[in-house]
Amino acid sequence: MAQIFHPSTNTISRVSIFGALFVFIGLLWLISAFTRSRYVTEEAVARKQPVAFSHEHHVSGLGIDCRYCHLSVEKSAFAGIPPTQTCMNCHAYIWTESSMLEPVRESFRTGMPIPWNRVHDLPDFVYFNHSIHVKKGIGCVTCHGRVDQMPLTWKAQSLLMEWCLECHRQPERFIRPREFVFDMDWQPEVDQQALGQRLIQEYNVANLITCSVCHR
């Protein structure tokens, strides 16, 4: 029987198969890189707000503690968005005519909350509790970055699941004494690994990496 296909077809078919495989792997890599890109995670992108609130000014400049505004961070899952009254505790007496703060004054007059845009917004299928992380010695800066150096607030971390698991698998790398949880520039005076191991025992920290911990 006469040969139907030219012998070179074998080579072409092999090249096509391997080429398609490489293209498929390349596409998977591109998709993975895209989902981790700052375009998707919005990492290091300052969100526009109705009032240009500066953590740098209030935290670093004025020395205001995180808990003054975020009242429930130590006792509930949600850190809490400060009510307008918290802002007016100071701004009823200072910068009272500032045009930048007019949305704050309007909110106070009308009783309507300021429509802040959330910077750290986890998906609805993710459960996160601020209070337990605070109690276990995880500093604000671990997740939120150096907010005391942010003129406008942005995400310091990707908040991807792999990033969360990095801490859950090795909490000794991140844990600190509870009294320094809200200290922005705290650095361990001893080896972090040794300190972390000691605090894990003291605070009864578990390596929780099962799905149901965060997905409920």
N, C-alpha and C. Protein backbone atom coordinates (compact mmCIF):
# COMPACT_ATOMS: atom_id res chain seq x y z
N MET A 1 0.85 -1.21 0.00
CA MET A 1 0.00 0.00 0.00
C MET A 1 0.88 1.25 0.00
N ALA A 2 0.53 2.15 -0.89
CA ALA A 2 1.34 3.37 -1.02
C ALA A 2 1.25 4.21 0.26
N GLN A 3 2.35 4.87 0.64
CA GLN A 3 2.39 5.73 1.83
C GLN A 3 1.56 6.98 1.58
N ILE A 4 0.63 7.23 2.51
CA ILE A 4 -0.28 8.38 2.34
C ILE A 4 0.39 9.68 2.76
N PHE A 5 1.04 9.66 3.96
CA PHE A 5 1.66 10.87 4.49
C PHE A 5 3.16 10.85 4.27
N HIS A 6 3.68 12.01 4.04
CA HIS A 6 5.13 12.15 3.88
C HIS A 6 5.82 11.85 5.22
N PRO A 7 7.02 11.26 5.23
CA PRO A 7 7.72 10.95 6.49
C PRO A 7 7.91 12.17 7.40
N SER A 8 7.98 13.34 6.84
CA SER A 8 8.16 14.54 7.66
C SER A 8 6.96 14.82 8.55
N THR A 9 5.82 14.19 8.24
CA THR A 9 4.61 14.39 9.05
C THR A 9 4.83 13.94 10.48
N ASN A 10 5.63 12.88 10.65
CA ASN A 10 5.91 12.42 12.01
C ASN A 10 6.59 13.51 12.85
N THR A 11 7.56 14.16 12.21
CA THR A 11 8.27 15.24 12.90
C THR A 11 7.33 16.40 13.21
N ILE A 12 6.50 16.73 12.23
CA ILE A 12 5.56 17.85 12.41
C ILE A 12 4.58 17.54 13.54
N SER A 13 4.10 16.30 13.60
CA SER A 13 3.14 15.93 14.65
C SER A 13 3.78 16.02 16.03
N ARG A 14 5.05 15.55 16.13
CA ARG A 14 5.73 15.62 17.42
C ARG A 14 5.92 17.08 17.86
N VAL A 15 6.37 17.89 16.92
CA VAL A 15 6.57 19.31 17.23
C VAL A 15 5.26 19.98 17.63
N SER A 16 4.18 19.60 16.94
CA SER A 16 2.87 20.19 17.24
C SER A 16 2.41 19.81 18.65
N ILE A 17 2.59 18.52 19.00
CA ILE A 17 2.15 18.05 20.32
C ILE A 17 2.93 18.74 21.41
N PHE A 18 4.28 18.73 21.28
CA PHE A 18 5.10 19.38 22.31
C PHE A 18 4.89 20.89 22.33
N GLY A 19 4.70 21.47 21.15
CA GLY A 19 4.44 22.91 21.09
C GLY A 19 3.15 23.29 21.79
N ALA A 20 2.09 22.48 21.56
CA ALA A 20 0.81 22.73 22.23
C ALA A 20 0.95 22.59 23.74
N LEU A 21 1.75 21.60 24.16
CA LEU A 21 1.98 21.40 25.59
C LEU A 21 2.68 22.61 26.21
N PHE A 22 3.72 23.10 25.53
CA PHE A 22 4.44 24.27 26.04
C PHE A 22 3.55 25.50 26.06
N VAL A 23 2.70 25.66 25.04
CA VAL A 23 1.78 26.80 25.01
C VAL A 23 0.79 26.71 26.17
N PHE A 24 0.29 25.48 26.44
CA PHE A 24 -0.66 25.28 27.53
C PHE A 24 -0.02 25.61 28.88
N ILE A 25 1.21 25.13 29.08
CA ILE A 25 1.93 25.42 30.33
C ILE A 25 2.19 26.92 30.45
N GLY A 26 2.56 27.54 29.32
CA GLY A 26 2.80 28.98 29.32
C GLY A 26 1.56 29.78 29.68
N LEU A 27 0.41 29.33 29.17
CA LEU A 27 -0.84 30.02 29.49
C LEU A 27 -1.18 29.89 30.97
N LEU A 28 -0.95 28.69 31.53
CA LEU A 28 -1.18 28.50 32.96
C LEU A 28 -0.29 29.42 33.78
N TRP A 29 0.97 29.55 33.35
CA TRP A 29 1.90 30.43 34.07
C TRP A 29 1.46 31.88 33.97
N LEU A 30 1.00 32.30 32.79
CA LEU A 30 0.54 33.68 32.62
C LEU A 30 -0.69 33.96 33.49
N ILE A 31 -1.62 33.01 33.54
CA ILE A 31 -2.81 33.18 34.36
C ILE A 31 -2.43 33.29 35.83
N SER A 32 -1.51 32.40 36.26
CA SER A 32 -1.05 32.44 37.65
C SER A 32 -0.37 33.76 37.97
N ALA A 33 0.49 34.23 37.07
CA ALA A 33 1.18 35.50 37.29
C ALA A 33 0.20 36.67 37.30
N PHE A 34 -0.84 36.59 36.45
CA PHE A 34 -1.82 37.67 36.39
C PHE A 34 -2.63 37.75 37.68
N THR A 35 -3.07 36.60 38.21
CA THR A 35 -3.87 36.60 39.43
C THR A 35 -3.07 37.08 40.64
N ARG A 36 -1.73 37.01 40.56
CA ARG A 36 -0.88 37.48 41.65
C ARG A 36 -0.35 38.89 41.41
N SER A 37 -0.70 39.47 40.28
CA SER A 37 -0.18 40.80 39.94
C SER A 37 -0.89 41.87 40.75
N ARG A 38 -0.25 43.01 40.87
CA ARG A 38 -0.84 44.13 41.61
C ARG A 38 -2.09 44.66 40.92
N TYR A 39 -2.21 44.39 39.63
CA TYR A 39 -3.41 44.82 38.92
C TYR A 39 -4.64 44.13 39.49
N VAL A 40 -4.48 42.88 39.89
CA VAL A 40 -5.59 42.11 40.44
C VAL A 40 -5.69 42.30 41.95
N THR A 41 -4.58 42.18 42.66
CA THR A 41 -4.61 42.26 44.13
C THR A 41 -4.72 43.69 44.63
N GLU A 42 -4.40 44.68 43.78
CA GLU A 42 -4.40 46.10 44.15
C GLU A 42 -3.43 46.39 45.28
N GLU A 43 -2.39 45.57 45.36
CA GLU A 43 -1.34 45.79 46.36
C GLU A 43 -0.58 47.06 46.03
N ALA A 44 -0.33 47.88 47.05
CA ALA A 44 0.42 49.13 46.93
C ALA A 44 -0.30 50.18 46.08
N VAL A 45 -1.62 50.02 45.91
CA VAL A 45 -2.41 51.00 45.17
C VAL A 45 -3.29 51.76 46.16
N ALA A 46 -3.07 53.06 46.27
CA ALA A 46 -3.84 53.88 47.20
C ALA A 46 -5.26 54.06 46.68
N ARG A 47 -6.24 53.74 47.53
CA ARG A 47 -7.64 53.88 47.14
C ARG A 47 -8.10 55.32 47.34
N LYS A 48 -8.87 55.82 46.39
CA LYS A 48 -9.42 57.16 46.51
C LYS A 48 -10.51 57.16 47.58
N GLN A 49 -10.49 58.16 48.45
CA GLN A 49 -11.43 58.25 49.56
C GLN A 49 -12.17 59.58 49.52
N PRO A 50 -13.35 59.64 50.13
CA PRO A 50 -14.09 60.92 50.18
C PRO A 50 -13.34 61.99 50.96
N VAL A 51 -12.46 61.58 51.87
CA VAL A 51 -11.60 62.50 52.60
C VAL A 51 -10.19 61.92 52.53
N ALA A 52 -9.22 62.76 52.18
CA ALA A 52 -7.84 62.28 52.03
C ALA A 52 -7.21 62.08 53.41
N PHE A 53 -7.65 61.02 54.09
CA PHE A 53 -7.16 60.76 55.45
C PHE A 53 -5.73 60.23 55.40
N SER A 54 -4.87 60.78 56.23
CA SER A 54 -3.46 60.38 56.27
C SER A 54 -3.15 59.67 57.58
N HIS A 55 -2.88 58.37 57.50
CA HIS A 55 -2.41 57.65 58.69
C HIS A 55 -1.04 58.18 59.11
N GLU A 56 -0.23 58.55 58.13
CA GLU A 56 1.10 59.06 58.45
C GLU A 56 1.01 60.26 59.38
N HIS A 57 0.11 61.16 59.08
CA HIS A 57 -0.05 62.37 59.90
C HIS A 57 -0.62 62.04 61.28
N HIS A 58 -1.66 61.22 61.32
CA HIS A 58 -2.34 60.96 62.58
C HIS A 58 -1.57 59.99 63.48
N VAL A 59 -0.94 58.97 62.88
CA VAL A 59 -0.24 57.96 63.68
C VAL A 59 1.18 58.40 64.00
N SER A 60 1.96 58.70 62.96
CA SER A 60 3.35 59.07 63.17
C SER A 60 3.48 60.52 63.65
N GLY A 61 2.72 61.41 63.04
CA GLY A 61 2.84 62.82 63.39
C GLY A 61 2.23 63.17 64.74
N LEU A 62 1.02 62.66 65.00
CA LEU A 62 0.30 63.02 66.22
C LEU A 62 0.36 61.94 67.30
N GLY A 63 0.82 60.75 66.93
CA GLY A 63 0.97 59.68 67.91
C GLY A 63 -0.34 59.05 68.36
N ILE A 64 -1.37 59.08 67.51
CA ILE A 64 -2.66 58.50 67.87
C ILE A 64 -2.59 56.98 67.74
N ASP A 65 -3.00 56.29 68.77
CA ASP A 65 -3.00 54.83 68.80
C ASP A 65 -4.09 54.27 67.88
N CYS A 66 -3.82 53.11 67.28
CA CYS A 66 -4.77 52.47 66.37
C CYS A 66 -6.15 52.32 67.01
N ARG A 67 -6.15 51.97 68.30
CA ARG A 67 -7.41 51.65 68.99
C ARG A 67 -8.29 52.86 69.26
N TYR A 68 -7.74 54.05 69.11
CA TYR A 68 -8.57 55.25 69.30
C TYR A 68 -9.65 55.31 68.22
N CYS A 69 -9.28 54.94 67.00
CA CYS A 69 -10.24 54.96 65.90
C CYS A 69 -10.88 53.59 65.67
N HIS A 70 -10.08 52.55 65.74
CA HIS A 70 -10.58 51.19 65.49
C HIS A 70 -10.90 50.54 66.84
N LEU A 71 -12.05 50.90 67.36
CA LEU A 71 -12.41 50.58 68.75
C LEU A 71 -12.55 49.09 69.01
N SER A 72 -13.05 48.35 68.04
CA SER A 72 -13.41 46.96 68.30
C SER A 72 -12.35 45.95 67.87
N VAL A 73 -11.16 46.42 67.51
CA VAL A 73 -10.15 45.52 66.96
C VAL A 73 -9.70 44.45 67.95
N GLU A 74 -9.79 44.73 69.24
CA GLU A 74 -9.35 43.78 70.26
C GLU A 74 -10.45 42.83 70.73
N LYS A 75 -11.70 43.10 70.34
CA LYS A 75 -12.79 42.31 70.90
C LYS A 75 -13.79 41.78 69.89
N SER A 76 -13.58 42.05 68.61
CA SER A 76 -14.52 41.53 67.62
C SER A 76 -13.79 41.17 66.33
N ALA A 77 -14.51 40.53 65.43
CA ALA A 77 -13.92 40.12 64.16
C ALA A 77 -13.58 41.32 63.29
N PHE A 78 -14.36 42.38 63.43
CA PHE A 78 -14.20 43.56 62.59
C PHE A 78 -13.48 44.65 63.35
N ALA A 79 -12.47 45.24 62.74
CA ALA A 79 -11.68 46.27 63.43
C ALA A 79 -12.49 47.52 63.71
N GLY A 80 -13.48 47.79 62.87
CA GLY A 80 -14.34 48.94 63.09
C GLY A 80 -13.90 50.17 62.32
N ILE A 81 -14.83 50.78 61.62
CA ILE A 81 -14.59 52.06 60.95
C ILE A 81 -15.01 53.16 61.93
N PRO A 82 -14.14 54.11 62.21
CA PRO A 82 -14.49 55.12 63.22
C PRO A 82 -15.71 55.94 62.81
N PRO A 83 -16.64 56.16 63.74
CA PRO A 83 -17.77 57.03 63.44
C PRO A 83 -17.31 58.47 63.29
N THR A 84 -18.11 59.26 62.67
CA THR A 84 -17.76 60.67 62.44
C THR A 84 -17.49 61.40 63.75
N GLN A 85 -18.18 60.99 64.81
CA GLN A 85 -17.98 61.63 66.11
C GLN A 85 -16.52 61.52 66.55
N THR A 86 -15.87 60.39 66.22
CA THR A 86 -14.45 60.23 66.58
C THR A 86 -13.61 61.29 65.90
N CYS A 87 -13.89 61.55 64.64
CA CYS A 87 -13.16 62.60 63.91
C CYS A 87 -13.42 63.97 64.53
N MET A 88 -14.69 64.20 64.88
CA MET A 88 -15.08 65.51 65.38
C MET A 88 -14.60 65.77 66.81
N ASN A 89 -14.17 64.73 67.51
CA ASN A 89 -13.60 64.96 68.83
C ASN A 89 -12.44 65.95 68.76
N CYS A 90 -11.72 65.89 67.66
CA CYS A 90 -10.62 66.85 67.45
C CYS A 90 -11.04 67.98 66.51
N HIS A 91 -11.70 67.59 65.41
CA HIS A 91 -11.94 68.57 64.35
C HIS A 91 -13.12 69.50 64.61
N ALA A 92 -13.74 69.37 65.76
CA ALA A 92 -14.68 70.41 66.18
C ALA A 92 -13.93 71.63 66.70
N TYR A 93 -12.60 71.44 66.93
CA TYR A 93 -11.79 72.52 67.51
C TYR A 93 -10.60 72.91 66.62
N ILE A 94 -10.14 72.00 65.77
CA ILE A 94 -9.01 72.31 64.90
C ILE A 94 -9.39 72.05 63.44
N TRP A 95 -8.85 72.87 62.56
CA TRP A 95 -9.14 72.78 61.13
C TRP A 95 -10.65 72.84 60.88
N THR A 96 -11.33 73.70 61.60
CA THR A 96 -12.79 73.75 61.52
C THR A 96 -13.31 74.35 60.21
N GLU A 97 -12.45 75.06 59.50
CA GLU A 97 -12.88 75.68 58.25
C GLU A 97 -12.24 75.01 57.03
N SER A 98 -11.54 73.92 57.23
CA SER A 98 -10.84 73.26 56.13
C SER A 98 -11.84 72.71 55.11
N SER A 99 -11.64 73.06 53.84
CA SER A 99 -12.54 72.55 52.80
C SER A 99 -12.38 71.04 52.63
N MET A 100 -11.20 70.51 52.89
CA MET A 100 -10.96 69.08 52.75
C MET A 100 -11.81 68.28 53.74
N LEU A 101 -12.12 68.90 54.88
CA LEU A 101 -12.87 68.20 55.93
C LEU A 101 -14.38 68.48 55.87
N GLU A 102 -14.84 69.13 54.82
CA GLU A 102 -16.27 69.41 54.69
C GLU A 102 -17.11 68.13 54.68
N PRO A 103 -16.68 67.05 54.01
CA PRO A 103 -17.47 65.81 54.09
C PRO A 103 -17.62 65.28 55.51
N VAL A 104 -16.64 65.52 56.36
CA VAL A 104 -16.73 65.11 57.76
C VAL A 104 -17.77 65.94 58.49
N ARG A 105 -17.73 67.26 58.28
CA ARG A 105 -18.70 68.13 58.94
C ARG A 105 -20.12 67.87 58.44
N GLU A 106 -20.24 67.60 57.13
CA GLU A 106 -21.56 67.29 56.58
C GLU A 106 -22.11 65.99 57.18
N SER A 107 -21.25 65.00 57.31
CA SER A 107 -21.65 63.73 57.92
C SER A 107 -22.12 63.94 59.35
N PHE A 108 -21.42 64.81 60.08
CA PHE A 108 -21.77 65.08 61.47
C PHE A 108 -23.11 65.82 61.56
N ARG A 109 -23.34 66.75 60.61
CA ARG A 109 -24.59 67.52 60.61
C ARG A 109 -25.79 66.64 60.26
N THR A 110 -25.62 65.79 59.27
CA THR A 110 -26.75 65.01 58.74
C THR A 110 -26.93 63.66 59.41
N GLY A 111 -25.87 63.18 60.07
CA GLY A 111 -25.95 61.84 60.66
C GLY A 111 -25.70 60.73 59.67
N MET A 112 -25.37 61.07 58.43
CA MET A 112 -25.07 60.07 57.42
C MET A 112 -23.59 59.70 57.49
N PRO A 113 -23.26 58.40 57.52
CA PRO A 113 -21.86 58.00 57.62
C PRO A 113 -21.06 58.38 56.38
N ILE A 114 -19.79 58.60 56.56
CA ILE A 114 -18.90 58.89 55.44
C ILE A 114 -18.72 57.61 54.62
N PRO A 115 -18.91 57.65 53.31
CA PRO A 115 -18.81 56.43 52.49
C PRO A 115 -17.36 56.06 52.17
N TRP A 116 -16.64 55.59 53.17
CA TRP A 116 -15.24 55.19 52.96
C TRP A 116 -15.17 54.00 52.01
N ASN A 117 -14.13 53.96 51.23
CA ASN A 117 -13.87 52.82 50.35
C ASN A 117 -12.92 51.85 51.06
N ARG A 118 -13.35 50.61 51.23
CA ARG A 118 -12.54 49.64 51.95
C ARG A 118 -11.26 49.34 51.18
N VAL A 119 -10.16 49.31 51.91
CA VAL A 119 -8.86 49.01 51.33
C VAL A 119 -8.57 47.51 51.45
N HIS A 120 -8.82 46.96 52.61
CA HIS A 120 -8.60 45.53 52.86
C HIS A 120 -9.97 44.85 52.87
N ASP A 121 -10.37 44.35 51.72
CA ASP A 121 -11.70 43.79 51.54
C ASP A 121 -11.58 42.33 51.12
N LEU A 122 -11.72 41.43 52.09
CA LEU A 122 -11.62 40.00 51.79
C LEU A 122 -12.90 39.51 51.10
N PRO A 123 -12.81 38.44 50.31
CA PRO A 123 -14.02 37.87 49.70
C PRO A 123 -15.02 37.42 50.77
N ASP A 124 -16.28 37.34 50.39
CA ASP A 124 -17.33 36.98 51.34
C ASP A 124 -17.17 35.54 51.86
N PHE A 125 -16.47 34.69 51.10
CA PHE A 125 -16.31 33.30 51.53
C PHE A 125 -15.11 33.11 52.47
N VAL A 126 -14.47 34.21 52.87
CA VAL A 126 -13.32 34.13 53.78
C VAL A 126 -13.72 34.72 55.13
N TYR A 127 -13.48 33.96 56.18
CA TYR A 127 -13.75 34.43 57.54
C TYR A 127 -12.43 34.87 58.17
N PHE A 128 -12.41 36.09 58.68
CA PHE A 128 -11.22 36.60 59.36
C PHE A 128 -11.65 37.31 60.64
N ASN A 129 -10.94 37.04 61.71
CA ASN A 129 -11.26 37.62 63.01
C ASN A 129 -10.07 38.43 63.51
N HIS A 130 -10.26 39.75 63.62
CA HIS A 130 -9.17 40.60 64.10
C HIS A 130 -8.78 40.28 65.53
N SER A 131 -9.77 40.08 66.39
CA SER A 131 -9.48 39.96 67.81
C SER A 131 -8.59 38.77 68.14
N ILE A 132 -8.80 37.63 67.49
CA ILE A 132 -7.99 36.45 67.81
C ILE A 132 -6.55 36.65 67.37
N HIS A 133 -6.33 37.35 66.25
CA HIS A 133 -4.97 37.62 65.80
C HIS A 133 -4.25 38.58 66.76
N VAL A 134 -4.98 39.56 67.26
CA VAL A 134 -4.41 40.49 68.23
C VAL A 134 -4.03 39.74 69.52
N LYS A 135 -4.94 38.87 69.98
CA LYS A 135 -4.70 38.12 71.21
C LYS A 135 -3.52 37.15 71.08
N LYS A 136 -3.28 36.68 69.86
CA LYS A 136 -2.19 35.73 69.65
C LYS A 136 -0.87 36.43 69.30
N GLY A 137 -0.86 37.76 69.33
CA GLY A 137 0.39 38.49 69.17
C GLY A 137 0.80 38.79 67.74
N ILE A 138 -0.17 38.93 66.85
CA ILE A 138 0.13 39.31 65.47
C ILE A 138 -0.03 40.82 65.33
N GLY A 139 1.05 41.50 65.02
CA GLY A 139 1.04 42.96 64.95
C GLY A 139 0.26 43.50 63.77
N CYS A 140 -0.28 44.69 63.93
CA CYS A 140 -1.01 45.36 62.84
C CYS A 140 -0.15 45.44 61.58
N VAL A 141 1.13 45.72 61.78
CA VAL A 141 2.03 45.96 60.66
C VAL A 141 2.24 44.70 59.82
N THR A 142 2.03 43.52 60.41
CA THR A 142 2.21 42.27 59.67
C THR A 142 1.28 42.20 58.48
N CYS A 143 0.04 42.61 58.66
CA CYS A 143 -0.94 42.57 57.57
C CYS A 143 -1.11 43.91 56.87
N HIS A 144 -1.10 44.98 57.66
CA HIS A 144 -1.42 46.30 57.11
C HIS A 144 -0.20 47.11 56.70
N GLY A 145 1.00 46.63 57.02
CA GLY A 145 2.19 47.37 56.67
C GLY A 145 2.38 48.59 57.56
N ARG A 146 3.35 49.41 57.21
CA ARG A 146 3.66 50.60 58.00
C ARG A 146 2.67 51.72 57.66
N VAL A 147 1.47 51.61 58.22
CA VAL A 147 0.47 52.63 57.95
C VAL A 147 0.90 54.00 58.48
N ASP A 148 1.82 53.98 59.45
CA ASP A 148 2.32 55.26 59.98
C ASP A 148 3.20 55.98 58.97
N GLN A 149 3.48 55.35 57.84
CA GLN A 149 4.25 55.97 56.78
C GLN A 149 3.44 56.13 55.49
N MET A 150 2.13 55.99 55.61
CA MET A 150 1.25 56.07 54.43
C MET A 150 0.46 57.37 54.45
N PRO A 151 0.76 58.31 53.56
CA PRO A 151 -0.05 59.53 53.46
C PRO A 151 -1.47 59.21 53.01
N LEU A 152 -1.61 58.19 52.17
CA LEU A 152 -2.91 57.62 51.82
C LEU A 152 -2.78 56.12 52.03
N THR A 153 -3.87 55.46 52.35
CA THR A 153 -3.79 54.05 52.74
C THR A 153 -3.86 53.14 51.53
N TRP A 154 -2.98 52.13 51.54
CA TRP A 154 -3.00 51.10 50.49
C TRP A 154 -2.76 49.73 51.12
N LYS A 155 -3.02 48.69 50.34
CA LYS A 155 -2.76 47.33 50.79
C LYS A 155 -1.26 47.06 50.74
N ALA A 156 -0.71 46.65 51.87
CA ALA A 156 0.72 46.35 51.93
C ALA A 156 0.99 44.91 51.52
N GLN A 157 -0.04 44.05 51.57
CA GLN A 157 0.10 42.64 51.24
C GLN A 157 -0.96 42.25 50.23
N SER A 158 -0.73 41.14 49.56
CA SER A 158 -1.67 40.68 48.53
C SER A 158 -2.97 40.17 49.13
N LEU A 159 -2.93 39.61 50.35
CA LEU A 159 -4.05 38.97 51.01
C LEU A 159 -4.52 37.71 50.28
N LEU A 160 -3.67 37.16 49.42
CA LEU A 160 -3.98 35.88 48.79
C LEU A 160 -3.90 34.76 49.83
N MET A 161 -4.57 33.66 49.55
CA MET A 161 -4.60 32.56 50.51
C MET A 161 -3.20 32.04 50.81
N GLU A 162 -2.34 31.97 49.80
CA GLU A 162 -0.98 31.48 50.02
C GLU A 162 -0.21 32.38 51.00
N TRP A 163 -0.53 33.68 50.98
CA TRP A 163 0.12 34.60 51.91
C TRP A 163 -0.36 34.34 53.33
N CYS A 164 -1.66 34.11 53.52
CA CYS A 164 -2.20 33.79 54.85
C CYS A 164 -1.60 32.49 55.37
N LEU A 165 -1.49 31.50 54.51
CA LEU A 165 -0.97 30.20 54.93
C LEU A 165 0.50 30.28 55.34
N GLU A 166 1.23 31.21 54.77
CA GLU A 166 2.63 31.39 55.15
C GLU A 166 2.75 31.66 56.65
N CYS A 167 1.85 32.47 57.17
CA CYS A 167 1.85 32.79 58.60
C CYS A 167 1.27 31.65 59.43
N HIS A 168 0.19 31.03 58.93
CA HIS A 168 -0.45 29.95 59.67
C HIS A 168 0.45 28.73 59.79
N ARG A 169 1.30 28.52 58.81
CA ARG A 169 2.21 27.37 58.86
C ARG A 169 3.42 27.62 59.75
N GLN A 170 3.87 28.88 59.78
CA GLN A 170 5.05 29.22 60.58
C GLN A 170 4.79 30.50 61.38
N PRO A 171 3.88 30.43 62.35
CA PRO A 171 3.54 31.65 63.12
C PRO A 171 4.71 32.20 63.91
N GLU A 172 5.70 31.37 64.22
CA GLU A 172 6.85 31.85 65.00
C GLU A 172 7.64 32.93 64.28
N ARG A 173 7.48 33.04 62.97
CA ARG A 173 8.18 34.06 62.20
C ARG A 173 7.56 35.44 62.36
N PHE A 174 6.31 35.49 62.83
CA PHE A 174 5.57 36.75 62.83
C PHE A 174 5.06 37.18 64.20
N ILE A 175 4.94 36.26 65.12
CA ILE A 175 4.33 36.56 66.42
C ILE A 175 5.23 37.49 67.24
N ARG A 176 4.61 38.35 68.02
CA ARG A 176 5.33 39.30 68.88
C ARG A 176 4.62 39.40 70.23
N PRO A 177 5.26 39.96 71.23
CA PRO A 177 4.58 40.15 72.52
C PRO A 177 3.32 41.00 72.35
N ARG A 178 2.29 40.66 73.06
CA ARG A 178 0.99 41.35 72.90
C ARG A 178 1.10 42.84 73.14
N GLU A 179 1.97 43.25 74.05
CA GLU A 179 2.06 44.68 74.36
C GLU A 179 2.64 45.49 73.21
N PHE A 180 3.17 44.81 72.18
CA PHE A 180 3.75 45.52 71.05
C PHE A 180 2.95 45.31 69.76
N VAL A 181 1.75 44.74 69.87
CA VAL A 181 0.93 44.48 68.68
C VAL A 181 0.66 45.76 67.91
N PHE A 182 0.44 46.87 68.62
CA PHE A 182 0.07 48.13 67.95
C PHE A 182 1.28 49.06 67.75
N ASP A 183 2.46 48.54 68.02
CA ASP A 183 3.69 49.32 67.85
C ASP A 183 4.18 49.17 66.41
N MET A 184 4.20 50.26 65.68
CA MET A 184 4.53 50.21 64.26
C MET A 184 5.98 49.86 63.97
N ASP A 185 6.90 50.34 64.79
CA ASP A 185 8.32 50.14 64.48
C ASP A 185 9.01 49.15 65.43
N TRP A 186 8.23 48.27 66.06
CA TRP A 186 8.82 47.28 66.97
C TRP A 186 9.71 46.31 66.23
N GLN A 187 10.86 46.01 66.83
CA GLN A 187 11.78 44.99 66.32
C GLN A 187 12.19 44.11 67.49
N PRO A 188 12.30 42.79 67.29
CA PRO A 188 12.68 41.91 68.40
C PRO A 188 14.10 42.17 68.86
N GLU A 189 14.30 42.17 70.17
CA GLU A 189 15.63 42.37 70.74
C GLU A 189 16.42 41.06 70.78
N VAL A 190 15.72 39.94 70.56
CA VAL A 190 16.36 38.63 70.50
C VAL A 190 16.00 37.99 69.18
N ASP A 191 16.52 36.79 68.93
CA ASP A 191 16.22 36.07 67.69
C ASP A 191 14.71 35.84 67.56
N GLN A 192 14.14 36.25 66.42
CA GLN A 192 12.69 36.13 66.22
C GLN A 192 12.22 34.68 66.30
N GLN A 193 13.01 33.77 65.78
CA GLN A 193 12.62 32.37 65.80
C GLN A 193 12.48 31.86 67.24
N ALA A 194 13.46 32.19 68.06
CA ALA A 194 13.42 31.75 69.46
C ALA A 194 12.27 32.43 70.21
N LEU A 195 12.12 33.74 69.97
CA LEU A 195 11.03 34.47 70.61
C LEU A 195 9.69 33.91 70.19
N GLY A 196 9.55 33.65 68.89
CA GLY A 196 8.29 33.12 68.37
C GLY A 196 7.94 31.77 68.96
N GLN A 197 8.91 30.90 69.08
CA GLN A 197 8.65 29.58 69.66
C GLN A 197 8.19 29.70 71.10
N ARG A 198 8.79 30.63 71.85
CA ARG A 198 8.39 30.81 73.25
C ARG A 198 6.97 31.36 73.35
N LEU A 199 6.66 32.35 72.49
CA LEU A 199 5.34 32.96 72.54
C LEU A 199 4.25 32.01 72.05
N ILE A 200 4.59 31.12 71.13
CA ILE A 200 3.62 30.13 70.67
C ILE A 200 3.16 29.27 71.84
N GLN A 201 4.10 28.88 72.69
CA GLN A 201 3.75 28.09 73.86
C GLN A 201 2.97 28.93 74.87
N GLU A 202 3.41 30.16 75.06
CA GLU A 202 2.79 31.03 76.06
C GLU A 202 1.37 31.42 75.67
N TYR A 203 1.16 31.71 74.37
CA TYR A 203 -0.15 32.16 73.90
C TYR A 203 -1.01 31.01 73.36
N ASN A 204 -0.48 29.79 73.42
CA ASN A 204 -1.21 28.61 72.95
C ASN A 204 -1.63 28.77 71.48
N VAL A 205 -0.67 29.06 70.64
CA VAL A 205 -0.92 29.27 69.21
C VAL A 205 -0.83 27.93 68.48
N ALA A 206 -1.84 27.64 67.67
CA ALA A 206 -1.87 26.39 66.91
C ALA A 206 -1.63 26.67 65.43
N ASN A 207 -1.07 25.68 64.73
CA ASN A 207 -0.87 25.79 63.29
C ASN A 207 -2.17 25.39 62.59
N LEU A 208 -3.07 26.33 62.45
CA LEU A 208 -4.38 26.04 61.87
C LEU A 208 -4.35 26.26 60.36
N ILE A 209 -4.36 25.16 59.62
CA ILE A 209 -4.30 25.27 58.16
C ILE A 209 -5.40 24.48 57.48
N THR A 210 -6.38 23.99 58.24
CA THR A 210 -7.50 23.29 57.62
C THR A 210 -8.43 24.29 56.96
N CYS A 211 -9.14 23.85 55.94
CA CYS A 211 -10.00 24.74 55.15
C CYS A 211 -11.05 25.45 56.00
N SER A 212 -11.62 24.71 56.98
CA SER A 212 -12.73 25.25 57.75
C SER A 212 -12.35 26.39 58.68
N VAL A 213 -11.04 26.59 58.88
CA VAL A 213 -10.61 27.69 59.73
C VAL A 213 -11.02 29.03 59.13
N CYS A 214 -10.83 29.18 57.86
CA CYS A 214 -11.13 30.45 57.18
C CYS A 214 -12.36 30.38 56.29
N HIS A 215 -12.71 29.19 55.82
CA HIS A 215 -13.87 29.04 54.92
C HIS A 215 -14.99 28.32 55.67
N ARG A 216 -15.97 29.10 56.14
CA ARG A 216 -17.03 28.55 56.97
C ARG A 216 -18.39 28.71 56.30
